[in-house]
Amino acid sequence: MKGGIILQQYNNQNQISQPVMTEPPSFISNKDLLYLKDAMSWELLAMKKCFHASQQCLNPRLKQAIEQAGMMHQRHYQTLLRHVDPNKTLP
């Protein structure tokens, strides 16, 4: 147990604090764009899986929870899309 405490103290003392952005950068690097595309793909896939699962679900409470999760993923997708192209949004 003592070794775990020492390791935890070591990690807390040697963490490098990152500056916090107050607004998004004026440009998106290629690396950032690739990350955003990946994140959008993950959100779109999760949204589709939730839609499919909700169509198969017979329990109304579970169906509603799955639909809410799908809507959350849709909101995340739309947020990422606005960062990539502010002129595009889903209805």
N, C-alpha and C. Protein backbone atom coordinates (compact mmCIF):
# COMPACT_ATOMS: atom_id res chain seq x y z
N MET A 1 0.82 -1.19 0.00
CA MET A 1 0.00 0.00 0.00
C MET A 1 0.87 1.25 0.00
N LYS A 2 1.98 1.21 0.74
CA LYS A 2 2.84 2.38 0.83
C LYS A 2 3.41 2.73 -0.54
N GLY A 3 3.75 1.72 -1.36
CA GLY A 3 4.28 1.97 -2.69
C GLY A 3 3.28 2.68 -3.58
N GLY A 4 1.99 2.32 -3.44
CA GLY A 4 0.93 2.96 -4.21
C GLY A 4 0.79 4.43 -3.85
N ILE A 5 0.93 4.74 -2.58
CA ILE A 5 0.83 6.13 -2.13
C ILE A 5 2.00 6.93 -2.67
N ILE A 6 3.19 6.37 -2.63
CA ILE A 6 4.37 7.07 -3.15
C ILE A 6 4.22 7.32 -4.64
N LEU A 7 3.74 6.33 -5.39
CA LEU A 7 3.56 6.48 -6.83
C LEU A 7 2.52 7.55 -7.11
N GLN A 8 1.42 7.57 -6.34
CA GLN A 8 0.39 8.57 -6.55
C GLN A 8 0.93 9.97 -6.27
N GLN A 9 1.71 10.13 -5.20
CA GLN A 9 2.30 11.42 -4.89
C GLN A 9 3.26 11.85 -5.99
N TYR A 10 4.03 10.90 -6.53
CA TYR A 10 4.97 11.19 -7.61
C TYR A 10 4.21 11.69 -8.83
N ASN A 11 3.11 11.00 -9.20
CA ASN A 11 2.33 11.40 -10.36
C ASN A 11 1.70 12.77 -10.17
N ASN A 12 1.19 13.06 -8.97
CA ASN A 12 0.57 14.36 -8.70
C ASN A 12 1.59 15.49 -8.77
N GLN A 13 2.81 15.25 -8.32
CA GLN A 13 3.83 16.29 -8.29
C GLN A 13 4.43 16.55 -9.66
N ASN A 14 4.43 15.55 -10.54
CA ASN A 14 5.11 15.68 -11.82
C ASN A 14 4.16 15.88 -13.01
N GLN A 15 2.92 16.21 -12.75
CA GLN A 15 2.00 16.48 -13.85
C GLN A 15 2.29 17.85 -14.42
N ILE A 16 2.29 17.92 -15.73
CA ILE A 16 2.52 19.19 -16.41
C ILE A 16 1.15 19.81 -16.68
N SER A 17 0.96 21.02 -16.22
CA SER A 17 -0.34 21.65 -16.45
C SER A 17 -0.40 22.18 -17.87
N GLN A 18 -1.51 21.89 -18.54
CA GLN A 18 -1.73 22.32 -19.91
C GLN A 18 -2.49 23.65 -19.88
N PRO A 19 -2.15 24.58 -20.77
CA PRO A 19 -2.93 25.81 -20.82
C PRO A 19 -4.35 25.51 -21.31
N VAL A 20 -5.32 26.22 -20.78
CA VAL A 20 -6.72 26.02 -21.14
C VAL A 20 -7.09 27.00 -22.25
N MET A 21 -7.70 26.46 -23.33
CA MET A 21 -8.14 27.32 -24.43
C MET A 21 -9.46 27.97 -24.04
N THR A 22 -9.56 29.27 -24.23
CA THR A 22 -10.82 29.96 -23.95
C THR A 22 -11.69 30.06 -25.20
N GLU A 23 -11.09 29.88 -26.38
CA GLU A 23 -11.85 29.86 -27.63
C GLU A 23 -11.14 28.94 -28.61
N PRO A 24 -11.87 28.42 -29.60
CA PRO A 24 -11.24 27.49 -30.55
C PRO A 24 -10.19 28.20 -31.41
N PRO A 25 -9.22 27.45 -31.92
CA PRO A 25 -8.21 28.07 -32.78
C PRO A 25 -8.84 28.55 -34.09
N SER A 26 -8.16 29.47 -34.76
CA SER A 26 -8.70 30.04 -36.00
C SER A 26 -8.52 29.10 -37.19
N PHE A 27 -7.72 28.05 -37.05
CA PHE A 27 -7.54 27.08 -38.12
C PHE A 27 -7.49 25.68 -37.52
N ILE A 28 -7.72 24.68 -38.38
CA ILE A 28 -7.67 23.28 -37.95
C ILE A 28 -6.51 22.62 -38.69
N SER A 29 -5.59 22.04 -37.95
CA SER A 29 -4.45 21.35 -38.58
C SER A 29 -4.94 20.06 -39.23
N ASN A 30 -4.11 19.49 -40.09
CA ASN A 30 -4.47 18.22 -40.73
C ASN A 30 -4.68 17.12 -39.69
N LYS A 31 -3.83 17.10 -38.68
CA LYS A 31 -3.96 16.10 -37.62
C LYS A 31 -5.28 16.27 -36.87
N ASP A 32 -5.63 17.52 -36.56
CA ASP A 32 -6.90 17.79 -35.89
C ASP A 32 -8.08 17.39 -36.77
N LEU A 33 -7.99 17.68 -38.06
CA LEU A 33 -9.06 17.34 -38.99
C LEU A 33 -9.25 15.83 -39.06
N LEU A 34 -8.15 15.08 -39.09
CA LEU A 34 -8.25 13.61 -39.10
C LEU A 34 -8.89 13.10 -37.81
N TYR A 35 -8.53 13.70 -36.69
CA TYR A 35 -9.14 13.31 -35.42
C TYR A 35 -10.64 13.61 -35.44
N LEU A 36 -11.01 14.79 -35.93
CA LEU A 36 -12.43 15.15 -36.00
C LEU A 36 -13.20 14.20 -36.91
N LYS A 37 -12.60 13.82 -38.03
CA LYS A 37 -13.27 12.88 -38.94
C LYS A 37 -13.48 11.53 -38.26
N ASP A 38 -12.48 11.06 -37.53
CA ASP A 38 -12.62 9.80 -36.78
C ASP A 38 -13.73 9.91 -35.74
N ALA A 39 -13.72 11.01 -35.00
CA ALA A 39 -14.74 11.20 -33.96
C ALA A 39 -16.13 11.26 -34.58
N MET A 40 -16.24 11.92 -35.74
CA MET A 40 -17.54 11.98 -36.42
C MET A 40 -17.98 10.60 -36.87
N SER A 41 -17.05 9.80 -37.36
CA SER A 41 -17.39 8.43 -37.78
C SER A 41 -17.88 7.61 -36.59
N TRP A 42 -17.21 7.76 -35.44
CA TRP A 42 -17.62 7.02 -34.24
C TRP A 42 -19.01 7.45 -33.80
N GLU A 43 -19.27 8.76 -33.81
CA GLU A 43 -20.59 9.26 -33.39
C GLU A 43 -21.68 8.80 -34.35
N LEU A 44 -21.39 8.84 -35.65
CA LEU A 44 -22.37 8.40 -36.64
C LEU A 44 -22.68 6.92 -36.48
N LEU A 45 -21.65 6.11 -36.27
CA LEU A 45 -21.85 4.68 -36.07
C LEU A 45 -22.67 4.42 -34.80
N ALA A 46 -22.35 5.11 -33.73
CA ALA A 46 -23.09 4.94 -32.47
C ALA A 46 -24.55 5.36 -32.66
N MET A 47 -24.77 6.44 -33.40
CA MET A 47 -26.13 6.91 -33.67
C MET A 47 -26.91 5.86 -34.45
N LYS A 48 -26.29 5.28 -35.47
CA LYS A 48 -26.95 4.24 -36.29
C LYS A 48 -27.24 2.99 -35.46
N LYS A 49 -26.29 2.60 -34.61
CA LYS A 49 -26.50 1.42 -33.77
C LYS A 49 -27.65 1.65 -32.79
N CYS A 50 -27.73 2.84 -32.23
CA CYS A 50 -28.82 3.15 -31.31
C CYS A 50 -30.16 3.12 -32.05
N PHE A 51 -30.20 3.69 -33.25
CA PHE A 51 -31.44 3.67 -34.02
C PHE A 51 -31.87 2.24 -34.30
N HIS A 52 -30.94 1.41 -34.74
CA HIS A 52 -31.25 0.02 -35.05
C HIS A 52 -31.72 -0.73 -33.79
N ALA A 53 -31.01 -0.54 -32.68
CA ALA A 53 -31.37 -1.22 -31.44
C ALA A 53 -32.74 -0.78 -30.94
N SER A 54 -33.05 0.51 -31.08
CA SER A 54 -34.35 0.99 -30.61
C SER A 54 -35.49 0.41 -31.44
N GLN A 55 -35.23 0.15 -32.72
CA GLN A 55 -36.26 -0.45 -33.58
C GLN A 55 -36.53 -1.90 -33.20
N GLN A 56 -35.53 -2.57 -32.65
CA GLN A 56 -35.66 -3.98 -32.27
C GLN A 56 -36.18 -4.17 -30.85
N CYS A 57 -36.13 -3.11 -30.06
CA CYS A 57 -36.44 -3.20 -28.63
C CYS A 57 -37.95 -3.25 -28.38
N LEU A 58 -38.37 -4.14 -27.49
CA LEU A 58 -39.79 -4.27 -27.13
C LEU A 58 -40.12 -3.59 -25.80
N ASN A 59 -39.13 -3.38 -24.96
CA ASN A 59 -39.33 -2.74 -23.66
C ASN A 59 -39.39 -1.22 -23.87
N PRO A 60 -40.53 -0.58 -23.59
CA PRO A 60 -40.67 0.86 -23.86
C PRO A 60 -39.65 1.74 -23.12
N ARG A 61 -39.35 1.41 -21.87
CA ARG A 61 -38.39 2.23 -21.11
C ARG A 61 -36.99 2.09 -21.69
N LEU A 62 -36.62 0.87 -22.04
CA LEU A 62 -35.31 0.63 -22.63
C LEU A 62 -35.23 1.28 -24.01
N LYS A 63 -36.31 1.17 -24.78
CA LYS A 63 -36.36 1.79 -26.11
C LYS A 63 -36.14 3.30 -26.00
N GLN A 64 -36.80 3.93 -25.03
CA GLN A 64 -36.65 5.37 -24.83
C GLN A 64 -35.21 5.73 -24.44
N ALA A 65 -34.60 4.94 -23.57
CA ALA A 65 -33.22 5.20 -23.15
C ALA A 65 -32.27 5.07 -24.34
N ILE A 66 -32.49 4.08 -25.18
CA ILE A 66 -31.64 3.89 -26.36
C ILE A 66 -31.83 5.05 -27.34
N GLU A 67 -33.09 5.49 -27.52
CA GLU A 67 -33.36 6.63 -28.41
C GLU A 67 -32.68 7.89 -27.89
N GLN A 68 -32.70 8.10 -26.57
CA GLN A 68 -32.04 9.26 -25.98
C GLN A 68 -30.53 9.20 -26.21
N ALA A 69 -29.96 8.01 -26.09
CA ALA A 69 -28.52 7.85 -26.36
C ALA A 69 -28.23 8.17 -27.83
N GLY A 70 -29.10 7.72 -28.72
CA GLY A 70 -28.93 8.02 -30.14
C GLY A 70 -29.00 9.51 -30.42
N MET A 71 -29.93 10.21 -29.76
CA MET A 71 -30.03 11.67 -29.93
C MET A 71 -28.80 12.37 -29.39
N MET A 72 -28.23 11.85 -28.30
CA MET A 72 -27.01 12.43 -27.75
C MET A 72 -25.88 12.31 -28.77
N HIS A 73 -25.75 11.12 -29.40
CA HIS A 73 -24.71 10.94 -30.40
C HIS A 73 -24.95 11.83 -31.61
N GLN A 74 -26.21 12.06 -31.97
CA GLN A 74 -26.52 12.95 -33.08
C GLN A 74 -26.10 14.39 -32.75
N ARG A 75 -26.37 14.83 -31.51
CA ARG A 75 -25.95 16.17 -31.10
C ARG A 75 -24.43 16.30 -31.14
N HIS A 76 -23.73 15.27 -30.67
CA HIS A 76 -22.26 15.30 -30.71
C HIS A 76 -21.77 15.39 -32.15
N TYR A 77 -22.39 14.60 -33.04
CA TYR A 77 -22.02 14.62 -34.46
C TYR A 77 -22.23 16.02 -35.04
N GLN A 78 -23.37 16.63 -34.74
CA GLN A 78 -23.66 17.97 -35.26
C GLN A 78 -22.68 19.00 -34.72
N THR A 79 -22.30 18.86 -33.46
CA THR A 79 -21.32 19.79 -32.88
C THR A 79 -19.99 19.67 -33.60
N LEU A 80 -19.53 18.45 -33.84
CA LEU A 80 -18.27 18.24 -34.56
C LEU A 80 -18.38 18.76 -35.99
N LEU A 81 -19.53 18.54 -36.63
CA LEU A 81 -19.73 19.01 -38.00
C LEU A 81 -19.64 20.53 -38.07
N ARG A 82 -20.19 21.22 -37.09
CA ARG A 82 -20.10 22.69 -37.07
C ARG A 82 -18.65 23.16 -36.94
N HIS A 83 -17.82 22.39 -36.25
CA HIS A 83 -16.41 22.77 -36.12
C HIS A 83 -15.66 22.56 -37.44
N VAL A 84 -16.06 21.53 -38.17
CA VAL A 84 -15.39 21.23 -39.45
C VAL A 84 -15.90 22.16 -40.54
N ASP A 85 -17.22 22.35 -40.62
CA ASP A 85 -17.82 23.21 -41.64
C ASP A 85 -19.03 23.92 -41.02
N PRO A 86 -18.85 25.17 -40.61
CA PRO A 86 -19.93 25.89 -39.92
C PRO A 86 -21.20 26.05 -40.76
N ASN A 87 -21.11 25.90 -42.09
CA ASN A 87 -22.28 26.09 -42.96
C ASN A 87 -23.14 24.84 -43.07
N LYS A 88 -22.67 23.69 -42.57
CA LYS A 88 -23.41 22.44 -42.69
C LYS A 88 -24.00 22.05 -41.34
N THR A 89 -25.28 21.73 -41.35
CA THR A 89 -25.93 21.17 -40.17
C THR A 89 -26.97 20.16 -40.63
N LEU A 90 -27.28 19.22 -39.77
CA LEU A 90 -28.32 18.25 -40.07
C LEU A 90 -29.66 18.82 -39.64
N PRO A 91 -30.74 18.46 -40.32
CA PRO A 91 -32.07 18.96 -39.91
C PRO A 91 -32.48 18.41 -38.56
